[in-house]
């Protein structure tokens, strides 16, 4: 699947997202890109995890928003993060340069440079971007690529199940479950019945939490 066209559009909180006409889908919630990312992945996964050194795996690196928000949060909370993100279709850098996250988040020049550096670093290798954040971007298909081990947190941020059903299959959740540490945390914006049933079948204990604006609920799954 190759996207013929994509373009930047604003979500309701003023932060940018990207629209993919081929899928009729946005990269983030149209009710607030940064708002949902902070709620689902930072508040209910990263901040919920009490470890000081954390291994994170993101399904869908995309715009790098979740990685950026993670880095900003750990700078305030003294955590050390080893961050893996998998992406089959990396964004063109010229598109990244036009995203308004630096403005919306009030980033200074150093922080903005960090955001851009995340997109410029080489794929498929560990890159230590600073003393507390190591990034490893996996360029490939989650069905075929080997996943990182000893994962503490999974940001499951793929396109919606009705847009990319193959990413939400039992074999993918099982593959992720097997590389997670005990008490590992997976969060997702989706609370579809099939997603919940699959997570339970694989072995997760799930809970429904209040969702971000525009969504009544979200999911947090724990590996027991």
Protein backbone atom coordinates (compact mmCIF):
# COMPACT_ATOMS: atom_id res chain seq x y z
CA UNK A 1 0.00 0.00 0.00
CA UNK A 2 1.48 3.31 -1.13
CA UNK A 3 -0.31 6.54 -0.34
CA UNK A 4 -0.64 8.68 -3.46
CA UNK A 5 -1.33 11.85 -1.51
CA UNK A 6 -1.50 13.13 2.03
CA UNK A 7 -1.79 16.58 3.48
CA UNK A 8 -1.75 18.45 6.78
CA UNK A 9 -5.01 19.49 8.38
CA UNK A 10 -5.86 20.93 11.81
CA UNK A 11 -7.62 19.08 14.60
CA UNK A 12 -10.00 20.77 17.02
CA UNK A 13 -7.32 21.64 19.60
CA UNK A 14 -5.36 23.51 16.92
CA UNK A 15 -2.65 20.88 16.53
CA UNK A 16 -1.91 19.39 13.14
CA UNK A 17 -2.69 15.94 11.90
CA UNK A 18 -2.28 14.34 8.49
CA UNK A 19 -5.12 13.20 6.27
CA UNK A 20 -4.67 10.22 3.95
CA UNK A 21 -7.33 10.30 1.18
CA UNK A 22 -6.50 6.75 0.09
CA UNK A 23 -7.66 5.49 3.49
CA UNK A 24 -10.11 8.31 4.21
CA UNK A 25 -8.34 8.48 7.57
CA UNK A 26 -6.37 10.90 9.74
CA UNK A 27 -3.14 10.09 11.58
CA UNK A 28 -4.66 11.41 14.83
CA UNK A 29 -8.00 12.25 16.36
CA UNK A 30 -9.68 15.18 14.60
CA UNK A 31 -10.95 16.18 18.05
CA UNK A 32 -7.40 16.99 19.11
CA UNK A 33 -4.16 15.39 17.94
CA UNK A 34 -1.92 16.39 20.83
CA UNK A 35 -4.78 16.17 23.34
CA UNK A 36 -5.52 12.53 22.51
CA UNK A 37 -1.85 11.51 22.37
CA UNK A 38 -1.21 13.01 25.80
CA UNK A 39 -4.32 11.39 27.27
CA UNK A 40 -3.98 7.90 25.80
CA UNK A 41 -0.22 7.38 25.73
CA UNK A 42 1.43 9.82 28.13
CA UNK A 43 -1.08 10.06 30.98
CA UNK A 44 -2.44 6.50 30.90
CA UNK A 45 0.70 4.60 29.90
CA UNK A 46 3.96 6.47 30.49
CA UNK A 47 2.91 8.27 33.66
CA UNK A 48 1.04 5.18 34.87
CA UNK A 49 4.26 3.16 34.66
CA UNK A 50 6.33 3.60 37.84
CA UNK A 51 9.63 2.37 36.41
CA UNK A 52 12.48 4.85 36.14
CA UNK A 53 14.00 3.11 33.11
CA UNK A 54 11.39 2.24 30.50
CA UNK A 55 11.38 0.35 27.22
CA UNK A 56 8.67 1.66 24.90
CA UNK A 57 7.43 0.19 21.63
CA UNK A 58 5.17 2.25 19.39
CA UNK A 59 3.06 0.65 16.68
CA UNK A 60 3.07 3.36 14.02
CA UNK A 61 5.82 5.97 14.44
CA UNK A 62 4.03 8.34 12.05
CA UNK A 63 4.59 12.03 12.75
CA UNK A 64 6.75 11.30 15.80
CA UNK A 65 4.25 13.11 18.03
CA UNK A 66 4.08 10.33 20.63
CA UNK A 67 7.87 10.07 20.77
CA UNK A 68 8.19 13.85 21.14
CA UNK A 69 5.59 14.00 23.93
CA UNK A 70 7.34 11.10 25.67
CA UNK A 71 10.68 12.92 25.58
CA UNK A 72 9.14 16.15 26.89
CA UNK A 73 7.48 14.27 29.76
CA UNK A 74 10.55 12.32 30.88
CA UNK A 75 12.62 15.52 30.97
CA UNK A 76 10.26 16.66 33.73
CA UNK A 77 10.04 13.32 35.52
CA UNK A 78 13.62 12.01 35.37
CA UNK A 79 12.93 8.80 33.47
CA UNK A 80 15.24 7.10 31.00
CA UNK A 81 13.58 5.74 27.89
CA UNK A 82 14.63 3.31 25.20
CA UNK A 83 12.10 4.00 22.45
CA UNK A 84 11.34 1.72 19.49
CA UNK A 85 8.84 2.73 16.83
CA UNK A 86 7.90 0.72 13.75
CA UNK A 87 6.80 2.40 10.52
CA UNK A 88 6.40 0.95 7.05
CA UNK A 89 5.67 4.27 5.33
CA UNK A 90 7.88 7.05 6.73
CA UNK A 91 6.75 10.62 6.17
CA UNK A 92 8.71 12.91 3.90
CA UNK A 93 10.78 15.31 5.97
CA UNK A 94 9.35 18.36 4.18
CA UNK A 95 5.93 17.35 5.53
CA UNK A 96 7.32 17.00 9.06
CA UNK A 97 8.84 20.48 8.85
CA UNK A 98 5.38 21.95 8.29
CA UNK A 99 3.74 20.30 11.33
CA UNK A 100 2.86 22.88 13.97
CA UNK A 101 3.74 20.82 17.06
CA UNK A 102 6.67 23.09 18.05
CA UNK A 103 4.33 26.09 18.09
CA UNK A 104 1.38 24.33 19.75
CA UNK A 105 3.59 22.79 22.45
CA UNK A 106 5.62 25.97 22.96
CA UNK A 107 8.94 24.35 22.11
CA UNK A 108 12.17 26.31 22.19
CA UNK A 109 14.81 26.02 19.46
CA UNK A 110 16.60 23.13 21.16
CA UNK A 111 13.38 21.15 21.60
CA UNK A 112 12.29 21.84 18.04
CA UNK A 113 15.66 20.63 16.78
CA UNK A 114 15.20 17.44 18.81
CA UNK A 115 11.83 16.83 17.14
CA UNK A 116 13.34 17.23 13.69
CA UNK A 117 16.36 15.10 14.56
CA UNK A 118 14.06 12.20 15.45
CA UNK A 119 12.96 12.13 11.83
CA UNK A 120 16.44 12.54 10.37
CA UNK A 121 18.25 9.78 12.26
CA UNK A 122 19.03 6.53 10.48
CA UNK A 123 16.57 3.67 10.59
CA UNK A 124 17.11 0.23 12.15
CA UNK A 125 19.76 1.26 14.65
CA UNK A 126 19.97 2.65 18.18
CA UNK A 127 20.51 6.41 18.22
CA UNK A 128 21.12 8.10 21.58
CA UNK A 129 19.56 11.52 21.12
CA UNK A 130 20.39 12.62 24.66
CA UNK A 131 21.30 11.13 28.03
CA UNK A 132 17.72 10.04 28.75
CA UNK A 133 16.32 9.07 25.33
CA UNK A 134 17.50 6.45 22.86
CA UNK A 135 15.53 6.03 19.65
CA UNK A 136 15.39 3.01 17.37
CA UNK A 137 13.13 3.43 14.35
CA UNK A 138 12.23 0.16 12.64
CA UNK A 139 11.50 0.59 8.95
CA UNK A 140 9.35 -2.38 8.09
CA UNK A 141 6.15 -4.39 8.43
CA UNK A 142 5.14 -5.46 11.94
CA UNK A 143 4.07 -8.84 10.54
CA UNK A 144 7.62 -9.64 9.47
CA UNK A 145 9.99 -7.57 11.59
CA UNK A 146 11.56 -8.81 14.81
CA UNK A 147 10.25 -6.80 17.74
CA UNK A 148 12.34 -5.40 20.62
CA UNK A 149 12.46 -7.45 23.82
CA UNK A 150 11.63 -6.56 27.43
CA UNK A 151 9.00 -4.00 26.49
CA UNK A 152 7.37 -2.14 29.38
CA UNK A 153 4.94 0.05 27.43
CA UNK A 154 3.25 -0.33 24.07
CA UNK A 155 1.68 2.66 22.34
CA UNK A 156 -0.75 0.92 19.99
CA UNK A 157 -1.42 3.80 17.61
CA UNK A 158 -2.13 2.13 14.28
CA UNK A 159 -4.84 3.30 11.91
CA UNK A 160 -8.34 2.26 13.02
CA UNK A 161 -9.31 -1.44 12.83
CA UNK A 162 -11.71 -0.85 9.93
CA UNK A 163 -8.93 0.90 7.96
CA UNK A 164 -6.02 -1.47 8.66
CA UNK A 165 -7.57 -4.66 10.08
CA UNK A 166 -4.38 -6.68 9.58
CA UNK A 167 -2.58 -4.69 12.28
CA UNK A 168 -5.23 -5.58 14.86
CA UNK A 169 -5.12 -9.34 14.35
CA UNK A 170 -4.62 -11.87 17.12
CA UNK A 171 -1.20 -12.90 15.79
CA UNK A 172 0.04 -9.29 16.08
CA UNK A 173 -1.18 -8.87 19.65
CA UNK A 174 0.31 -12.26 20.52
CA UNK A 175 3.64 -11.25 18.99
CA UNK A 176 3.62 -8.08 21.07
CA UNK A 177 2.51 -9.89 24.24
CA UNK A 178 5.44 -12.29 23.98
CA UNK A 179 8.07 -9.51 24.02
CA UNK A 180 6.51 -7.56 26.90
CA UNK A 181 7.69 -7.70 30.49
CA UNK A 182 5.37 -8.85 33.24
CA UNK A 183 3.05 -5.97 34.22
CA UNK A 184 3.73 -4.42 30.82
CA UNK A 185 1.20 -1.79 29.71
CA UNK A 186 -0.52 -1.43 26.33
CA UNK A 187 -2.82 1.50 25.61
CA UNK A 188 -5.02 2.22 22.62
CA UNK A 189 -7.71 4.68 21.65
CA UNK A 190 -9.87 1.80 20.31
CA UNK A 191 -12.42 0.02 22.48
CA UNK A 192 -14.04 -2.04 19.74
CA UNK A 193 -15.47 -5.32 20.97
CA UNK A 194 -13.30 -7.40 18.69
CA UNK A 195 -10.17 -5.62 19.93
CA UNK A 196 -11.10 -6.25 23.55
CA UNK A 197 -11.87 -9.92 22.91
CA UNK A 198 -8.60 -10.43 21.06
CA UNK A 199 -6.53 -8.80 23.79
CA UNK A 200 -8.19 -10.99 26.42
CA UNK A 201 -7.67 -14.12 24.32
CA UNK A 202 -3.96 -13.38 24.00
CA UNK A 203 -3.63 -13.02 27.77
CA UNK A 204 -4.04 -9.34 28.63
CA UNK A 205 -6.18 -8.06 31.46
CA UNK A 206 -8.01 -5.05 30.08
CA UNK A 207 -9.72 -2.05 31.57
CA UNK A 208 -11.77 0.68 29.97
CA UNK A 209 -10.85 4.23 30.90
CA UNK A 210 -12.41 7.60 30.07
CA UNK A 211 -11.45 8.55 26.53
CA UNK A 212 -9.98 11.70 25.08
CA UNK A 213 -12.34 14.41 23.77
CA UNK A 214 -14.72 12.98 21.20
CA UNK A 215 -14.38 9.42 22.51
CA UNK A 216 -16.22 8.02 25.50
CA UNK A 217 -13.61 5.36 26.36
CA UNK A 218 -10.10 4.08 25.71
CA UNK A 219 -8.31 0.82 26.53
CA UNK A 220 -5.47 -0.08 28.84
CA UNK A 221 -4.26 -3.67 28.78
CA UNK A 222 -1.83 -5.21 31.30
CA UNK A 223 0.27 -8.33 30.84
CA UNK A 224 -0.21 -10.34 34.04
